[in-house]
Protein backbone atom coordinates (compact mmCIF):
# COMPACT_ATOMS: atom_id res chain seq x y z
CA MET A 1 116.76 94.05 5.00
CA ASN A 2 118.19 91.63 2.45
CA LYS A 3 119.76 92.47 -0.89
CA THR A 4 116.61 91.68 -2.91
CA GLU A 5 114.41 93.96 -0.82
CA PHE A 6 117.02 96.70 -0.95
CA SER A 7 117.31 96.29 -4.73
CA SER A 8 113.59 96.80 -5.27
CA ILE A 9 113.56 99.89 -3.03
CA VAL A 10 116.55 101.34 -4.87
CA ASN A 11 115.01 100.62 -8.29
CA SER A 12 111.85 102.47 -7.26
CA ASN A 13 113.97 105.65 -7.14
CA ALA A 14 115.19 105.27 -10.74
CA SER A 15 112.86 107.90 -12.24
CA SER A 16 113.89 110.64 -9.82
CA LEU A 17 117.54 109.64 -10.32
CA ARG A 18 117.10 109.90 -14.10
CA SER A 19 115.83 113.49 -13.93
CA HIS A 20 118.72 114.36 -11.62
CA ALA A 21 121.20 112.64 -13.97
CA LEU A 22 119.92 114.72 -16.89
CA GLN A 23 120.99 117.84 -15.02
CA PHE A 24 124.54 116.46 -14.96
CA THR A 25 124.81 114.98 -18.44
CA LYS A 26 122.38 117.01 -20.58
CA ASP A 27 121.92 113.82 -22.67
CA LEU A 28 119.29 111.11 -22.17
CA ASP A 29 121.54 108.16 -23.08
CA ASP A 30 124.35 109.38 -20.84
CA ALA A 31 121.81 110.02 -18.07
CA ASN A 32 120.49 106.47 -18.38
CA ASP A 33 124.05 105.13 -18.19
CA LEU A 34 124.72 107.24 -15.10
CA VAL A 35 121.52 105.99 -13.44
CA GLN A 36 122.45 102.41 -14.23
CA ASP A 37 125.95 102.86 -12.80
CA THR A 38 124.47 104.49 -9.69
CA LEU A 39 121.96 101.70 -9.13
CA MET A 40 124.60 99.03 -9.62
CA LYS A 41 126.96 100.67 -7.14
CA ALA A 42 124.15 101.15 -4.62
CA ILE A 43 123.13 97.50 -4.84
CA ARG A 44 126.74 96.35 -4.78
CA PHE A 45 127.44 98.32 -1.61
CA PHE A 46 124.03 97.94 0.02
CA HIS A 47 125.69 96.69 3.21
CA LYS A 48 127.16 100.18 3.71
CA PHE A 49 123.73 101.83 3.73
CA GLU A 50 122.51 102.60 7.22
CA GLU A 51 118.83 101.74 7.61
CA GLY A 52 116.76 104.70 8.68
CA SER A 53 118.95 107.21 6.86
CA ASN A 54 117.97 109.08 3.69
CA LEU A 55 118.17 106.54 0.85
CA LYS A 56 117.48 109.09 -1.88
CA GLY A 57 120.22 111.36 -0.56
CA TRP A 58 122.63 108.41 -0.42
CA LEU A 59 121.79 107.55 -4.05
CA PHE A 60 122.29 111.16 -5.16
CA VAL A 61 125.73 111.23 -3.50
CA ILE A 62 126.69 108.01 -5.30
CA MET A 63 125.47 109.53 -8.58
CA ARG A 64 127.36 112.77 -8.08
CA ASN A 65 130.59 110.96 -7.19
CA THR A 66 130.20 108.59 -10.14
CA PHE A 67 129.66 111.52 -12.51
CA ILE A 68 132.66 113.43 -11.14
CA ASN A 69 134.96 110.38 -11.31
CA ASP A 70 133.85 109.60 -14.88
CA TYR A 71 134.33 113.24 -15.88
CA ARG A 72 137.86 113.24 -14.45
CA LYS A 73 138.74 109.99 -16.24
CA THR A 74 137.45 111.39 -19.53
CA ALA A 75 139.29 114.69 -19.07
CA LYS A 76 142.51 112.86 -18.25
CA LYS A 77 142.14 110.57 -21.26
CA ASN A 78 141.41 113.51 -23.58
CA ALA A 79 144.44 115.38 -22.27
CA LEU A 80 146.66 112.49 -23.33
CA ILE A 81 145.36 112.41 -26.89
CA THR A 82 147.30 114.60 -29.31
CA THR A 83 145.14 116.67 -31.61
CA GLU A 84 145.97 117.23 -35.25
CA GLU A 85 147.11 120.81 -34.64
CA GLU A 86 149.62 119.63 -32.01
CA ILE A 87 151.35 117.23 -34.39
CA THR A 88 154.57 118.83 -35.54
CA TYR A 89 157.42 117.53 -37.65
CA ALA A 90 159.55 117.18 -34.50
CA ASN A 91 156.88 115.07 -32.79
CA LEU A 92 156.41 112.92 -35.87
CA SER A 93 160.10 112.34 -36.46
CA HIS A 94 160.67 111.44 -32.81
CA SER A 95 157.84 108.91 -32.77
CA ALA A 96 158.73 107.54 -36.21
CA THR A 97 162.25 106.69 -35.10
CA ARG A 98 160.98 104.37 -32.37
CA ASN A 99 161.07 100.76 -33.40
CA VAL A 100 158.18 98.32 -32.95
CA ALA A 101 160.67 95.69 -31.79
CA GLU A 102 161.82 98.02 -29.03
CA ASN A 103 158.25 98.25 -27.73
CA LYS A 104 157.93 94.46 -27.84
CA PHE A 105 161.10 94.14 -25.75
CA MET A 106 159.74 96.66 -23.27
CA MET A 107 156.39 94.85 -22.97
CA SER A 108 158.22 91.57 -22.57
CA ASP A 109 160.35 93.05 -19.78
CA ILE A 110 157.26 94.43 -18.03
CA GLN A 111 155.53 91.05 -18.23
CA LYS A 112 158.62 89.29 -16.87
CA ALA A 113 158.82 91.79 -14.01
CA LEU A 114 155.13 91.24 -13.23
CA ASP A 115 155.63 87.47 -13.33
CA LYS A 116 158.48 87.77 -10.79
CA LEU A 117 156.15 89.43 -8.28
CA PRO A 118 154.62 87.23 -5.60
CA LYS A 119 150.94 86.55 -6.34
CA ALA A 120 149.98 88.43 -3.16
CA TYR A 121 151.52 91.61 -4.65
CA ARG A 122 150.76 91.01 -8.32
CA ASP A 123 146.97 90.52 -8.02
CA PRO A 124 146.24 93.78 -6.12
CA PHE A 125 148.69 95.72 -8.32
CA VAL A 126 147.14 94.50 -11.57
CA ARG A 127 143.63 95.30 -10.28
CA TYR A 128 144.78 98.79 -9.25
CA PHE A 129 146.44 99.32 -12.63
CA GLU A 130 143.16 98.27 -14.31
CA GLY A 131 141.42 101.13 -12.49
CA TYR A 132 139.85 99.48 -9.47
CA LYS A 133 139.76 101.45 -6.24
CA TYR A 134 141.49 100.21 -3.09
CA HIS A 135 138.23 99.29 -1.35
CA GLU A 136 137.03 97.36 -4.41
CA ILE A 137 140.27 95.36 -4.51
CA ALA A 138 140.11 94.70 -0.79
CA GLU A 139 136.53 93.46 -1.07
CA GLU A 140 137.27 91.27 -4.10
CA LEU A 141 140.39 89.67 -2.60
CA GLY A 142 139.04 89.50 0.96
CA LEU A 143 141.92 91.54 2.39
CA PRO A 144 142.05 94.55 4.70
CA ILE A 145 142.42 97.82 2.76
CA GLY A 146 145.75 98.56 4.48
CA THR A 147 147.15 95.24 3.30
CA VAL A 148 146.03 96.00 -0.26
CA LYS A 149 147.76 99.39 -0.17
CA THR A 150 150.94 97.82 1.23
CA HIS A 151 150.99 95.08 -1.40
CA ILE A 152 150.50 97.60 -4.21
CA HIS A 153 153.33 99.74 -2.79
CA GLN A 154 155.62 96.72 -2.52
CA ALA A 155 154.75 95.70 -6.10
CA ARG A 156 155.69 99.18 -7.32
CA LEU A 157 159.04 99.02 -5.53
CA GLU A 158 159.80 95.60 -7.02
CA LEU A 159 158.76 96.73 -10.51
CA LYS A 160 160.96 99.84 -10.25
CA LYS A 161 163.88 97.65 -9.24
CA ASN A 162 163.26 95.13 -12.03
CA LEU A 163 162.66 97.79 -14.71
CA LYS A 164 165.46 100.19 -13.75
CA ASN A 165 166.84 99.99 -17.32
CA TYR A 166 163.98 102.24 -18.45
CA LYS A 167 164.37 104.79 -15.65
CA ASN A 168 166.56 107.28 -17.54
CA ASP A 169 164.86 106.95 -20.92
CA ALA A 170 162.78 110.12 -21.38
CA TYR A 171 160.63 108.42 -24.02
CA TYR A 172 159.21 106.00 -21.45
CA ARG A 173 158.66 108.60 -18.73
CA ALA A 174 156.33 110.72 -20.85
C-alpha cells in the first residue's frame, strides 16, 4: 500500500476519530485539532503501520498519546507561569534587580557555545531543545536513534563545559 492509498483510508476514519476526540477535549475546536494532529502523525508514520492489523485501534492509540503529550506540555507550561497571587515584593525586587544587559550577555554566551559545537552535535541538540522527539530527529537527519542520543548527550557535556560560569548562579538554575 502506498502513502496516497493509506492517506485516503486514514481520512475515512476522521468522523469516528472526531467523536472519540470530543470525549478527550470536551470542545469541538480542540477535538478537530486533535483529529488533525492524529491524522498527520498517522500519515507521517504510515510505514510503521502493519498491514492486516487494526487501523482504527492504531489511530486511537496515536490520538490518546497525542492528547496525553499535549496535556503534559500544557500543564508544564502553566506550572512555570507565575499567577498574580504568587507575585510578592521579594519576587518583584529580585527580578527587578536583574539587568537586561546581563541577559544579553548570557544569550550571547549561549549562542557562542552553540556555535562551538560540531554540526553533528549542534543540529540534533537544537532539534531536541525545540521539542522534537529522538525518533523524529533521527528520521529527519537520517541517523540511527542511538547516534542521535549520543550526539545530544555530547552536546550537553560541551555546553556545560563552555557555560560553567553560570553553574553556581541560582538565578539561572531556576
